[in-house]
């Protein structure tokens, strides 16, 4: 048995739609921008306008933490916690040093030590 879909256009009673028509246009003026702003502020409605920048000054940087050294390559290594603690303690003990400078000094000392050991 084949069932067919019912058509929405079959057996449609005559419907009178002549009573439906668009509403007449009323020529009201839109409220001014000042009126809209006043109503929005009274209702605590947030504005979507971007806030004006507070100042054009660059943000302050932490004193003593900006270094222009030319060191721009990151070096990662797995080491023991004791090694990390030793590197940080040497860096913190010498005011003005940063980790990169501590590593450079350590490498220079290691090279000097190895050259002395290799000399006859």
PDB file of N, CA and C in Angstrom:
ATOM      1  N   UNK A   1       0.840  -1.157   0.000  1.00  0.00           N
ATOM      2  CA  UNK A   1       0.000   0.000   0.000  1.00  0.00           C
ATOM      3  C   UNK A   1       0.898   1.237   0.000  1.00  0.00           C
ATOM      4  N   UNK A   2       0.690   2.102  -0.952  1.00  0.00           N
ATOM      5  CA  UNK A   2       1.477   3.321  -1.087  1.00  0.00           C
ATOM      6  C   UNK A   2       0.677   4.475  -0.519  1.00  0.00           C
ATOM      7  N   UNK A   3       1.301   5.157   0.416  1.00  0.00           N
ATOM      8  CA  UNK A   3       0.639   6.326   0.978  1.00  0.00           C
ATOM      9  C   UNK A   3       1.178   7.567   0.278  1.00  0.00           C
ATOM     10  N   UNK A   4       0.294   8.477   0.011  1.00  0.00           N
ATOM     11  CA  UNK A   4       0.716   9.728  -0.592  1.00  0.00           C
ATOM     12  C   UNK A   4       0.542  10.842   0.432  1.00  0.00           C
ATOM     13  N   UNK A   5       1.354  11.812   0.321  1.00  0.00           N
ATOM     14  CA  UNK A   5       1.256  12.943   1.235  1.00  0.00           C
ATOM     15  C   UNK A   5       0.030  13.765   0.923  1.00  0.00           C
ATOM     16  N   UNK A   6      -0.522  14.320   1.943  1.00  0.00           N
ATOM     17  CA  UNK A   6      -1.673  15.194   1.757  1.00  0.00           C
ATOM     18  C   UNK A   6      -1.173  16.543   1.275  1.00  0.00           C
ATOM     19  N   UNK A   7      -1.854  17.134   0.362  1.00  0.00           N
ATOM     20  CA  UNK A   7      -1.484  18.431  -0.163  1.00  0.00           C
ATOM     21  C   UNK A   7      -2.096  19.511   0.713  1.00  0.00           C
ATOM     22  N   UNK A   8      -1.356  20.545   0.930  1.00  0.00           N
ATOM     23  CA  UNK A   8      -1.891  21.647   1.732  1.00  0.00           C
ATOM     24  C   UNK A   8      -2.870  22.495   0.925  1.00  0.00           C
ATOM     25  N   UNK A   9      -2.924  22.248  -0.366  1.00  0.00           N
ATOM     26  CA  UNK A   9      -3.805  23.041  -1.215  1.00  0.00           C
ATOM     27  C   UNK A   9      -5.124  22.344  -1.529  1.00  0.00           C
ATOM     28  N   UNK A  10      -5.256  21.122  -1.104  1.00  0.00           N
ATOM     29  CA  UNK A  10      -6.509  20.408  -1.329  1.00  0.00           C
ATOM     30  C   UNK A  10      -7.498  20.726  -0.222  1.00  0.00           C
ATOM     31  N   UNK A  11      -8.722  20.780  -0.565  1.00  0.00           N
ATOM     32  CA  UNK A  11      -9.801  20.989   0.402  1.00  0.00           C
ATOM     33  C   UNK A  11      -9.567  22.214   1.279  1.00  0.00           C
ATOM     34  N   UNK A  12      -9.129  23.287   0.662  1.00  0.00           N
ATOM     35  CA  UNK A  12      -8.903  24.523   1.404  1.00  0.00           C
ATOM     36  C   UNK A  12     -10.179  25.337   1.366  1.00  0.00           C
ATOM     37  N   UNK A  13     -10.699  25.712   2.525  1.00  0.00           N
ATOM     38  CA  UNK A  13     -11.911  26.539   2.513  1.00  0.00           C
ATOM     39  C   UNK A  13     -11.558  27.944   2.031  1.00  0.00           C
ATOM     40  N   UNK A  14     -12.504  28.613   1.503  1.00  0.00           N
ATOM     41  CA  UNK A  14     -12.267  29.977   1.056  1.00  0.00           C
ATOM     42  C   UNK A  14     -12.092  30.867   2.280  1.00  0.00           C
ATOM     43  N   UNK A  15     -10.943  31.512   2.347  1.00  0.00           N
ATOM     44  CA  UNK A  15     -10.627  32.381   3.465  1.00  0.00           C
ATOM     45  C   UNK A  15     -10.568  33.801   2.934  1.00  0.00           C
ATOM     46  N   UNK A  16     -11.266  34.662   3.597  1.00  0.00           N
ATOM     47  CA  UNK A  16     -11.279  36.067   3.199  1.00  0.00           C
ATOM     48  C   UNK A  16     -10.178  36.797   3.975  1.00  0.00           C
ATOM     49  N   UNK A  17      -9.156  37.254   3.263  1.00  0.00           N
ATOM     50  CA  UNK A  17      -8.042  37.973   3.892  1.00  0.00           C
ATOM     51  C   UNK A  17      -8.090  39.462   3.570  1.00  0.00           C
ATOM     52  N   UNK A  18      -9.188  39.933   3.051  1.00  0.00           N
ATOM     53  CA  UNK A  18      -9.273  41.341   2.670  1.00  0.00           C
ATOM     54  C   UNK A  18      -9.245  42.269   3.881  1.00  0.00           C
ATOM     55  N   UNK A  19      -9.543  41.763   5.062  1.00  0.00           N
ATOM     56  CA  UNK A  19      -9.515  42.607   6.255  1.00  0.00           C
ATOM     57  C   UNK A  19      -8.088  42.874   6.727  1.00  0.00           C
ATOM     58  N   UNK A  20      -7.150  42.079   6.240  1.00  0.00           N
ATOM     59  CA  UNK A  20      -5.756  42.261   6.629  1.00  0.00           C
ATOM     60  C   UNK A  20      -5.101  43.253   5.686  1.00  0.00           C
ATOM     61  N   UNK A  21      -4.505  44.267   6.240  1.00  0.00           N
ATOM     62  CA  UNK A  21      -3.780  45.256   5.437  1.00  0.00           C
ATOM     63  C   UNK A  21      -2.693  45.855   6.315  1.00  0.00           C
ATOM     64  N   UNK A  22      -1.672  46.437   5.690  1.00  0.00           N
ATOM     65  CA  UNK A  22      -0.607  47.028   6.496  1.00  0.00           C
ATOM     66  C   UNK A  22      -1.124  48.226   7.274  1.00  0.00           C
ATOM     67  N   UNK A  23      -0.514  48.447   8.408  1.00  0.00           N
ATOM     68  CA  UNK A  23      -0.905  49.584   9.220  1.00  0.00           C
ATOM     69  C   UNK A  23      -0.481  50.864   8.519  1.00  0.00           C
ATOM     70  N   UNK A  24      -1.274  51.882   8.644  1.00  0.00           N
ATOM     71  CA  UNK A  24      -0.877  53.145   8.016  1.00  0.00           C
ATOM     72  C   UNK A  24       0.366  53.709   8.698  1.00  0.00           C
ATOM     73  N   UNK A  25       1.195  54.343   7.927  1.00  0.00           N
ATOM     74  CA  UNK A  25       2.447  54.901   8.436  1.00  0.00           C
ATOM     75  C   UNK A  25       2.152  56.181   9.195  1.00  0.00           C
ATOM     76  N   UNK A  26       2.740  56.263  10.351  1.00  0.00           N
ATOM     77  CA  UNK A  26       2.619  57.503  11.112  1.00  0.00           C
ATOM     78  C   UNK A  26       3.923  58.255  10.935  1.00  0.00           C
ATOM     79  N   UNK A  27       3.849  59.505  10.646  1.00  0.00           N
ATOM     80  CA  UNK A  27       5.051  60.298  10.405  1.00  0.00           C
ATOM     81  C   UNK A  27       5.555  60.916  11.708  1.00  0.00           C
ATOM     82  N   UNK A  28       6.114  60.059  12.528  1.00  0.00           N
ATOM     83  CA  UNK A  28       6.706  60.549  13.762  1.00  0.00           C
ATOM     84  C   UNK A  28       8.180  60.795  13.512  1.00  0.00           C
ATOM     85  N   UNK A  29       8.705  61.778  14.154  1.00  0.00           N
ATOM     86  CA  UNK A  29      10.124  62.067  14.049  1.00  0.00           C
ATOM     87  C   UNK A  29      10.891  61.183  15.037  1.00  0.00           C
ATOM     88  N   UNK A  30      12.048  60.726  14.615  1.00  0.00           N
ATOM     89  CA  UNK A  30      12.897  59.933  15.502  1.00  0.00           C
ATOM     90  C   UNK A  30      13.434  60.846  16.599  1.00  0.00           C
ATOM     91  N   UNK A  31      13.631  60.317  17.793  1.00  0.00           N
ATOM     92  CA  UNK A  31      14.167  61.162  18.869  1.00  0.00           C
ATOM     93  C   UNK A  31      15.596  61.595  18.534  1.00  0.00           C
ATOM     94  N   UNK A  32      15.995  62.716  19.066  1.00  0.00           N
ATOM     95  CA  UNK A  32      17.345  63.218  18.808  1.00  0.00           C
ATOM     96  C   UNK A  32      18.366  62.355  19.545  1.00  0.00           C
ATOM     97  N   UNK A  33      19.608  62.487  19.132  1.00  0.00           N
ATOM     98  CA  UNK A  33      20.678  61.711  19.761  1.00  0.00           C
ATOM     99  C   UNK A  33      20.828  62.066  21.234  1.00  0.00           C
ATOM    100  N   UNK A  34      20.602  63.329  21.570  1.00  0.00           N
ATOM    101  CA  UNK A  34      20.707  63.736  22.967  1.00  0.00           C
ATOM    102  C   UNK A  34      19.620  63.086  23.808  1.00  0.00           C
ATOM    103  N   UNK A  35      18.401  62.990  23.247  1.00  0.00           N
ATOM    104  CA  UNK A  35      17.311  62.350  23.984  1.00  0.00           C
ATOM    105  C   UNK A  35      17.604  60.864  24.204  1.00  0.00           C
ATOM    106  N   UNK A  36      18.109  60.210  23.176  1.00  0.00           N
ATOM    107  CA  UNK A  36      18.443  58.787  23.289  1.00  0.00           C
ATOM    108  C   UNK A  36      19.533  58.591  24.335  1.00  0.00           C
ATOM    109  N   UNK A  37      20.544  59.460  24.321  1.00  0.00           N
ATOM    110  CA  UNK A  37      21.642  59.344  25.275  1.00  0.00           C
ATOM    111  C   UNK A  37      21.141  59.551  26.700  1.00  0.00           C
ATOM    112  N   UNK A  38      20.248  60.537  26.890  1.00  0.00           N
ATOM    113  CA  UNK A  38      19.715  60.806  28.225  1.00  0.00           C
ATOM    114  C   UNK A  38      18.920  59.620  28.752  1.00  0.00           C
ATOM    115  N   UNK A  39      18.092  59.017  27.906  1.00  0.00           N
ATOM    116  CA  UNK A  39      17.298  57.866  28.330  1.00  0.00           C
ATOM    117  C   UNK A  39      18.209  56.679  28.629  1.00  0.00           C
ATOM    118  N   UNK A  40      19.218  56.462  27.789  1.00  0.00           N
ATOM    119  CA  UNK A  40      20.134  55.344  27.999  1.00  0.00           C
ATOM    120  C   UNK A  40      20.904  55.511  29.300  1.00  0.00           C
ATOM    121  N   UNK A  41      21.378  56.726  29.590  1.00  0.00           N
ATOM    122  CA  UNK A  41      22.120  56.951  30.832  1.00  0.00           C
ATOM    123  C   UNK A  41      21.211  56.790  32.045  1.00  0.00           C
ATOM    124  N   UNK A  42      19.951  57.232  31.930  1.00  0.00           N
ATOM    125  CA  UNK A  42      19.017  57.094  33.044  1.00  0.00           C
ATOM    126  C   UNK A  42      18.727  55.624  33.342  1.00  0.00           C
ATOM    127  N   UNK A  43      18.767  54.781  32.310  1.00  0.00           N
ATOM    128  CA  UNK A  43      18.493  53.354  32.481  1.00  0.00           C
ATOM    129  C   UNK A  43      19.760  52.548  32.727  1.00  0.00           C
ATOM    130  N   UNK A  44      20.913  53.231  32.898  1.00  0.00           N
ATOM    131  CA  UNK A  44      22.216  52.567  33.092  1.00  0.00           C
ATOM    132  C   UNK A  44      22.535  51.596  31.965  1.00  0.00           C
ATOM    133  N   UNK A  45      22.212  51.988  30.745  1.00  0.00           N
ATOM    134  CA  UNK A  45      22.504  51.165  29.575  1.00  0.00           C
ATOM    135  C   UNK A  45      23.918  51.479  29.116  1.00  0.00           C
ATOM    136  N   UNK A  46      24.806  50.463  29.020  1.00  0.00           N
ATOM    137  CA  UNK A  46      26.193  50.746  28.649  1.00  0.00           C
ATOM    138  C   UNK A  46      26.312  51.142  27.178  1.00  0.00           C
ATOM    139  N   UNK A  47      27.197  52.058  26.919  1.00  0.00           N
ATOM    140  CA  UNK A  47      27.445  52.509  25.551  1.00  0.00           C
ATOM    141  C   UNK A  47      28.333  51.508  24.833  1.00  0.00           C
ATOM    142  N   UNK A  48      28.154  51.395  23.544  1.00  0.00           N
ATOM    143  CA  UNK A  48      29.009  50.507  22.748  1.00  0.00           C
ATOM    144  C   UNK A  48      30.176  51.268  22.135  1.00  0.00           C
ATOM    145  N   UNK A  49      30.222  52.561  22.387  1.00  0.00           N
ATOM    146  CA  UNK A  49      31.328  53.364  21.890  1.00  0.00           C
ATOM    147  C   UNK A  49      32.599  52.962  22.628  1.00  0.00           C
ATOM    148  N   UNK A  50      33.691  52.962  21.910  1.00  0.00           N
ATOM    149  CA  UNK A  50      34.966  52.659  22.549  1.00  0.00           C
ATOM    150  C   UNK A  50      35.342  53.803  23.476  1.00  0.00           C
ATOM    151  N   UNK A  51      35.895  53.455  24.603  1.00  0.00           N
ATOM    152  CA  UNK A  51      36.309  54.479  25.555  1.00  0.00           C
ATOM    153  C   UNK A  51      37.513  55.218  24.991  1.00  0.00           C
ATOM    154  N   UNK A  52      37.573  56.495  25.264  1.00  0.00           N
ATOM    155  CA  UNK A  52      38.712  57.298  24.806  1.00  0.00           C
ATOM    156  C   UNK A  52      39.958  56.852  25.549  1.00  0.00           C
ATOM    157  N   UNK A  53      41.098  56.813  24.871  1.00  0.00           N
ATOM    158  CA  UNK A  53      42.326  56.408  25.560  1.00  0.00           C
ATOM    159  C   UNK A  53      42.656  57.397  26.675  1.00  0.00           C
ATOM    160  N   UNK A  54      43.108  56.856  27.794  1.00  0.00           N
ATOM    161  CA  UNK A  54      43.384  57.678  28.961  1.00  0.00           C
ATOM    162  C   UNK A  54      44.592  58.564  28.716  1.00  0.00           C
ATOM    163  N   UNK A  55      45.653  57.979  28.214  1.00  0.00           N
ATOM    164  CA  UNK A  55      46.847  58.766  27.926  1.00  0.00           C
ATOM    165  C   UNK A  55      47.607  58.089  26.798  1.00  0.00           C
ATOM    166  N   UNK A  56      48.432  58.877  26.131  1.00  0.00           N
ATOM    167  CA  UNK A  56      49.222  58.352  25.026  1.00  0.00           C
ATOM    168  C   UNK A  56      50.602  57.914  25.487  1.00  0.00           C
ATOM    169  N   UNK A  57      50.863  57.958  26.811  1.00  0.00           N
ATOM    170  CA  UNK A  57      52.160  57.559  27.332  1.00  0.00           C
ATOM    171  C   UNK A  57      52.328  56.054  27.217  1.00  0.00           C
ATOM    172  N   UNK A  58      53.534  55.593  26.924  1.00  0.00           N
ATOM    173  CA  UNK A  58      53.745  54.141  26.935  1.00  0.00           C
ATOM    174  C   UNK A  58      53.637  53.619  28.357  1.00  0.00           C
ATOM    175  N   UNK A  59      53.256  52.363  28.524  1.00  0.00           N
ATOM    176  CA  UNK A  59      53.129  51.819  29.879  1.00  0.00           C
ATOM    177  C   UNK A  59      54.481  51.798  30.591  1.00  0.00           C
ATOM    178  N   UNK A  60      54.435  51.984  31.900  1.00  0.00           N
ATOM    179  CA  UNK A  60      55.671  51.960  32.681  1.00  0.00           C
ATOM    180  C   UNK A  60      56.217  50.546  32.739  1.00  0.00           C
ATOM    181  N   UNK A  61      57.492  50.465  32.651  1.00  0.00           N
ATOM    182  CA  UNK A  61      58.140  49.170  32.796  1.00  0.00           C
ATOM    183  C   UNK A  61      58.732  49.100  34.189  1.00  0.00           C
ATOM    184  N   UNK A  62      58.855  47.914  34.686  1.00  0.00           N
ATOM    185  CA  UNK A  62      59.414  47.753  36.023  1.00  0.00           C
ATOM    186  C   UNK A  62      60.874  48.165  36.004  1.00  0.00           C
ATOM    187  N   UNK A  63      61.217  48.979  36.960  1.00  0.00           N
ATOM    188  CA  UNK A  63      62.596  49.444  37.056  1.00  0.00           C
ATOM    189  C   UNK A  63      63.520  48.255  37.300  1.00  0.00           C
ATOM    190  N   UNK A  64      64.612  48.241  36.600  1.00  0.00           N
ATOM    191  CA  UNK A  64      65.598  47.192  36.802  1.00  0.00           C
ATOM    192  C   UNK A  64      65.270  45.883  36.116  1.00  0.00           C
ATOM    193  N   UNK A  65      64.202  45.824  35.327  1.00  0.00           N
ATOM    194  CA  UNK A  65      63.833  44.568  34.691  1.00  0.00           C
ATOM    195  C   UNK A  65      63.846  44.662  33.173  1.00  0.00           C
ATOM    196  N   UNK A  66      64.246  45.801  32.602  1.00  0.00           N
ATOM    197  CA  UNK A  66      64.303  45.949  31.156  1.00  0.00           C
ATOM    198  C   UNK A  66      65.769  45.923  30.753  1.00  0.00           C
ATOM    199  N   UNK A  67      66.142  44.933  29.969  1.00  0.00           N
ATOM    200  CA  UNK A  67      67.531  44.759  29.582  1.00  0.00           C
ATOM    201  C   UNK A  67      67.623  44.718  28.063  1.00  0.00           C
ATOM    202  N   UNK A  68      68.472  45.538  27.522  1.00  0.00           N
ATOM    203  CA  UNK A  68      68.718  45.538  26.087  1.00  0.00           C
ATOM    204  C   UNK A  68      70.121  44.946  25.893  1.00  0.00           C
ATOM    205  N   UNK A  69      70.190  43.639  25.757  1.00  0.00           N
ATOM    206  CA  UNK A  69      71.484  42.962  25.734  1.00  0.00           C
ATOM    207  C   UNK A  69      71.780  42.283  24.414  1.00  0.00           C
ATOM    208  N   UNK A  70      70.804  42.166  23.562  1.00  0.00           N
ATOM    209  CA  UNK A  70      71.013  41.436  22.317  1.00  0.00           C
ATOM    210  C   UNK A  70      70.816  39.943  22.487  1.00  0.00           C
ATOM    211  N   UNK A  71      70.512  39.500  23.692  1.00  0.00           N
ATOM    212  CA  UNK A  71      70.246  38.079  23.899  1.00  0.00           C
ATOM    213  C   UNK A  71      68.808  37.812  23.496  1.00  0.00           C
ATOM    214  N   UNK A  72      68.635  37.139  22.375  1.00  0.00           N
ATOM    215  CA  UNK A  72      67.275  36.922  21.884  1.00  0.00           C
ATOM    216  C   UNK A  72      67.012  35.469  21.512  1.00  0.00           C
ATOM    217  N   UNK A  73      67.864  34.566  21.968  1.00  0.00           N
ATOM    218  CA  UNK A  73      67.672  33.143  21.699  1.00  0.00           C
ATOM    219  C   UNK A  73      67.412  32.458  23.028  1.00  0.00           C
ATOM    220  N   UNK A  74      66.348  31.663  23.064  1.00  0.00           N
ATOM    221  CA  UNK A  74      66.015  30.970  24.304  1.00  0.00           C
ATOM    222  C   UNK A  74      66.752  29.645  24.360  1.00  0.00           C
ATOM    223  N   UNK A  75      67.230  29.298  25.548  1.00  0.00           N
ATOM    224  CA  UNK A  75      67.969  28.060  25.769  1.00  0.00           C
ATOM    225  C   UNK A  75      67.282  27.286  26.879  1.00  0.00           C
ATOM    226  N   UNK A  76      66.860  26.083  26.590  1.00  0.00           N
ATOM    227  CA  UNK A  76      66.183  25.241  27.581  1.00  0.00           C
ATOM    228  C   UNK A  76      66.998  23.979  27.801  1.00  0.00           C
ATOM    229  N   UNK A  77      67.108  23.570  29.036  1.00  0.00           N
ATOM    230  CA  UNK A  77      67.814  22.336  29.354  1.00  0.00           C
ATOM    231  C   UNK A  77      67.196  21.733  30.596  1.00  0.00           C
ATOM    232  N   UNK A  78      67.176  20.412  30.650  1.00  0.00           N
ATOM    233  CA  UNK A  78      66.708  19.734  31.856  1.00  0.00           C
ATOM    234  C   UNK A  78      67.906  19.600  32.787  1.00  0.00           C
ATOM    235  N   UNK A  79      67.747  20.164  33.976  1.00  0.00           N
ATOM    236  CA  UNK A  79      68.811  20.100  34.978  1.00  0.00           C
ATOM    237  C   UNK A  79      68.179  19.747  36.317  1.00  0.00           C
ATOM    238  N   UNK A  80      69.022  19.462  37.281  1.00  0.00           N
ATOM    239  CA  UNK A  80      68.511  19.143  38.621  1.00  0.00           C
ATOM    240  C   UNK A  80      68.078  20.429  39.318  1.00  0.00           C
ATOM    241  N   UNK A  81      67.269  20.271  40.344  1.00  0.00           N
ATOM    242  CA  UNK A  81      66.794  21.427  41.108  1.00  0.00           C
ATOM    243  C   UNK A  81      67.963  22.145  41.774  1.00  0.00           C
ATOM    244  N   UNK A  82      68.984  21.400  42.182  1.00  0.00           N
ATOM    245  CA  UNK A  82      70.147  22.014  42.808  1.00  0.00           C
ATOM    246  C   UNK A  82      70.870  22.940  41.836  1.00  0.00           C
ATOM    247  N   UNK A  83      70.959  22.539  40.569  1.00  0.00           N
ATOM    248  CA  UNK A  83      71.615  23.376  39.561  1.00  0.00           C
ATOM    249  C   UNK A  83      70.829  24.659  39.328  1.00  0.00           C
ATOM    250  N   UNK A  84      69.513  24.536  39.237  1.00  0.00           N
ATOM    251  CA  UNK A  84      68.673  25.724  39.055  1.00  0.00           C
ATOM    252  C   UNK A  84      68.821  26.658  40.247  1.00  0.00           C
ATOM    253  N   UNK A  85      68.794  26.097  41.449  1.00  0.00           N
ATOM    254  CA  UNK A  85      68.935  26.918  42.650  1.00  0.00           C
ATOM    255  C   UNK A  85      70.288  27.623  42.674  1.00  0.00           C
ATOM    256  N   UNK A  86      71.342  26.933  42.253  1.00  0.00           N
ATOM    257  CA  UNK A  86      72.678  27.530  42.245  1.00  0.00           C
ATOM    258  C   UNK A  86      72.765  28.675  41.237  1.00  0.00           C
ATOM    259  N   UNK A  87      72.196  28.473  40.053  1.00  0.00           N
ATOM    260  CA  UNK A  87      72.234  29.533  39.035  1.00  0.00           C
ATOM    261  C   UNK A  87      71.471  30.758  39.525  1.00  0.00           C
ATOM    262  N   UNK A  88      70.298  30.541  40.091  1.00  0.00           N
ATOM    263  CA  UNK A  88      69.518  31.676  40.587  1.00  0.00           C
ATOM    264  C   UNK A  88      70.201  32.361  41.766  1.00  0.00           C
ATOM    265  N   UNK A  89      70.842  31.597  42.654  1.00  0.00           N
ATOM    266  CA  UNK A  89      71.490  32.223  43.804  1.00  0.00           C
ATOM    267  C   UNK A  89      72.674  33.082  43.362  1.00  0.00           C
ATOM    268  N   UNK A  90      73.445  32.620  42.373  1.00  0.00           N
ATOM    269  CA  UNK A  90      74.560  33.428  41.850  1.00  0.00           C
ATOM    270  C   UNK A  90      74.020  34.683  41.181  1.00  0.00           C
ATOM    271  N   UNK A  91      72.959  34.548  40.404  1.00  0.00           N
ATOM    272  CA  UNK A  91      72.370  35.702  39.711  1.00  0.00           C
ATOM    273  C   UNK A  91      71.834  36.721  40.706  1.00  0.00           C
ATOM    274  N   UNK A  92      71.130  36.268  41.727  1.00  0.00           N
ATOM    275  CA  UNK A  92      70.548  37.185  42.705  1.00  0.00           C
ATOM    276  C   UNK A  92      71.606  37.810  43.608  1.00  0.00           C
ATOM    277  N   UNK A  93      72.708  37.095  43.853  1.00  0.00           N
ATOM    278  CA  UNK A  93      73.771  37.621  44.702  1.00  0.00           C
ATOM    279  C   UNK A  93      74.523  38.759  44.026  1.00  0.00           C
ATOM    280  N   UNK A  94      74.558  38.767  42.731  1.00  0.00           N
ATOM    281  CA  UNK A  94      75.245  39.806  41.969  1.00  0.00           C
ATOM    282  C   UNK A  94      74.204  40.738  41.379  1.00  0.00           C
ATOM    283  N   UNK A  95      73.972  41.854  42.050  1.00  0.00           N
ATOM    284  CA  UNK A  95      72.943  42.799  41.621  1.00  0.00           C
ATOM    285  C   UNK A  95      73.232  43.273  40.206  1.00  0.00           C
ATOM    286  N   UNK A  96      72.192  43.325  39.397  1.00  0.00           N
ATOM    287  CA  UNK A  96      72.350  43.786  38.023  1.00  0.00           C
ATOM    288  C   UNK A  96      72.571  42.649  37.029  1.00  0.00           C
ATOM    289  N   UNK A  97      72.816  41.450  37.540  1.00  0.00           N
ATOM    290  CA  UNK A  97      72.990  40.316  36.639  1.00  0.00           C
ATOM    291  C   UNK A  97      71.623  39.739  36.270  1.00  0.00           C
ATOM    292  N   UNK A  98      71.581  39.156  35.090  1.00  0.00           N
ATOM    293  CA  UNK A  98      70.412  38.398  34.651  1.00  0.00           C
ATOM    294  C   UNK A  98      70.878  36.992  34.335  1.00  0.00           C
ATOM    295  N   UNK A  99      69.935  36.084  34.133  1.00  0.00           N
ATOM    296  CA  UNK A  99      70.315  34.680  33.920  1.00  0.00           C
ATOM    297  C   UNK A  99      71.220  34.500  32.708  1.00  0.00           C
ATOM    298  N   UNK A 100      70.959  35.242  31.645  1.00  0.00           N
ATOM    299  CA  UNK A 100      71.805  35.125  30.452  1.00  0.00           C
ATOM    300  C   UNK A 100      73.243  35.512  30.734  1.00  0.00           C
ATOM    301  N   UNK A 101      73.441  36.580  31.502  1.00  0.00           N
ATOM    302  CA  UNK A 101      74.799  37.025  31.844  1.00  0.00           C
ATOM    303  C   UNK A 101      75.477  36.005  32.753  1.00  0.00           C
ATOM    304  N   UNK A 102      74.734  35.446  33.692  1.00  0.00           N
ATOM    305  CA  UNK A 102      75.293  34.413  34.578  1.00  0.00           C
ATOM    306  C   UNK A 102      75.758  33.219  33.765  1.00  0.00           C
ATOM    307  N   UNK A 103      74.956  32.790  32.790  1.00  0.00           N
ATOM    308  CA  UNK A 103      75.331  31.663  31.938  1.00  0.00           C
ATOM    309  C   UNK A 103      76.567  31.993  31.105  1.00  0.00           C
ATOM    310  N   UNK A 104      76.633  33.227  30.570  1.00  0.00           N
ATOM    311  CA  UNK A 104      77.818  33.621  29.791  1.00  0.00           C
ATOM    312  C   UNK A 104      79.070  33.588  30.659  1.00  0.00           C
ATOM    313  N   UNK A 105      78.980  34.117  31.888  1.00  0.00           N
ATOM    314  CA  UNK A 105      80.131  34.110  32.790  1.00  0.00           C
ATOM    315  C   UNK A 105      80.530  32.688  33.161  1.00  0.00           C
ATOM    316  N   UNK A 106      79.535  31.824  33.391  1.00  0.00           N
ATOM    317  CA  UNK A 106      79.824  30.429  33.742  1.00  0.00           C
ATOM    318  C   UNK A 106      80.520  29.721  32.580  1.00  0.00           C
ATOM    319  N   UNK A 107      80.088  29.981  31.363  1.00  0.00           N
ATOM    320  CA  UNK A 107      80.725  29.346  30.194  1.00  0.00           C
ATOM    321  C   UNK A 107      82.160  29.848  30.012  1.00  0.00           C
ATOM    322  N   UNK A 108      82.372  31.142  30.231  1.00  0.00           N
ATOM    323  CA  UNK A 108      83.734  31.680  30.108  1.00  0.00           C
ATOM    324  C   UNK A 108      84.648  31.050  31.153  1.00  0.00           C
ATOM    325  N   UNK A 109      84.150  30.887  32.388  1.00  0.00           N
ATOM    326  CA  UNK A 109      84.957  30.263  33.442  1.00  0.00           C
ATOM    327  C   UNK A 109      85.231  28.799  33.117  1.00  0.00           C
ATOM    328  N   UNK A 110      84.240  28.101  32.569  1.00  0.00           N
ATOM    329  CA  UNK A 110      84.432  26.694  32.208  1.00  0.00           C
ATOM    330  C   UNK A 110      85.461  26.565  31.094  1.00  0.00           C
ATOM    331  N   UNK A 111      85.428  27.448  30.117  1.00  0.00           N
ATOM    332  CA  UNK A 111      86.421  27.403  29.029  1.00  0.00           C
ATOM    333  C   UNK A 111      87.827  27.646  29.577  1.00  0.00           C
ATOM    334  N   UNK A 112      87.966  28.617  30.473  1.00  0.00           N
ATOM    335  CA  UNK A 112      89.294  28.877  31.069  1.00  0.00           C
ATOM    336  C   UNK A 112      89.780  27.652  31.832  1.00  0.00           C
ATOM    337  N   UNK A 113      88.896  27.032  32.574  1.00  0.00           N
ATOM    338  CA  UNK A 113      89.278  25.851  33.367  1.00  0.00           C
ATOM    339  C   UNK A 113      89.699  24.702  32.463  1.00  0.00           C
ATOM    340  N   UNK A 114      88.951  24.502  31.382  1.00  0.00           N
ATOM    341  CA  UNK A 114      89.295  23.400  30.453  1.00  0.00           C
ATOM    342  C   UNK A 114      90.599  23.667  29.720  1.00  0.00           C
ATOM    343  N   UNK A 115      90.894  24.929  29.414  1.00  0.00           N
ATOM    344  CA  UNK A 115      92.162  25.261  28.736  1.00  0.00           C
ATOM    345  C   UNK A 115      93.335  24.999  29.682  1.00  0.00           C
ATOM    346  N   UNK A 116      93.174  25.302  30.980  1.00  0.00           N
ATOM    347  CA  UNK A 116      94.240  25.052  31.933  1.00  0.00           C
ATOM    348  C   UNK A 116      94.503  23.577  32.118  1.00  0.00           C
ATOM    349  N   UNK A 117      93.441  22.777  32.110  1.00  0.00           N
ATOM    350  CA  UNK A 117      93.606  21.334  32.276  1.00  0.00           C
ATOM    351  C   UNK A 117      94.266  20.714  31.053  1.00  0.00           C
ATOM    352  N   UNK A 118      94.001  21.244  29.872  1.00  0.00           N
ATOM    353  CA  UNK A 118      94.519  20.668  28.645  1.00  0.00           C
ATOM    354  C   UNK A 118      95.958  21.072  28.351  1.00  0.00           C
ATOM    355  N   UNK A 119      96.505  22.074  29.067  1.00  0.00           N
ATOM    356  CA  UNK A 119      97.873  22.554  28.803  1.00  0.00           C
ATOM    357  C   UNK A 119      98.876  21.551  29.396  1.00  0.00           C
ATOM    358  N   UNK A 120      99.970  21.282  28.690  1.00  0.00           N
ATOM    359  CA  UNK A 120     100.973  20.330  29.217  1.00  0.00           C
ATOM    360  C   UNK A 120     101.795  20.895  30.326  1.00  0.00           C
TER     361      UNK A 120
END
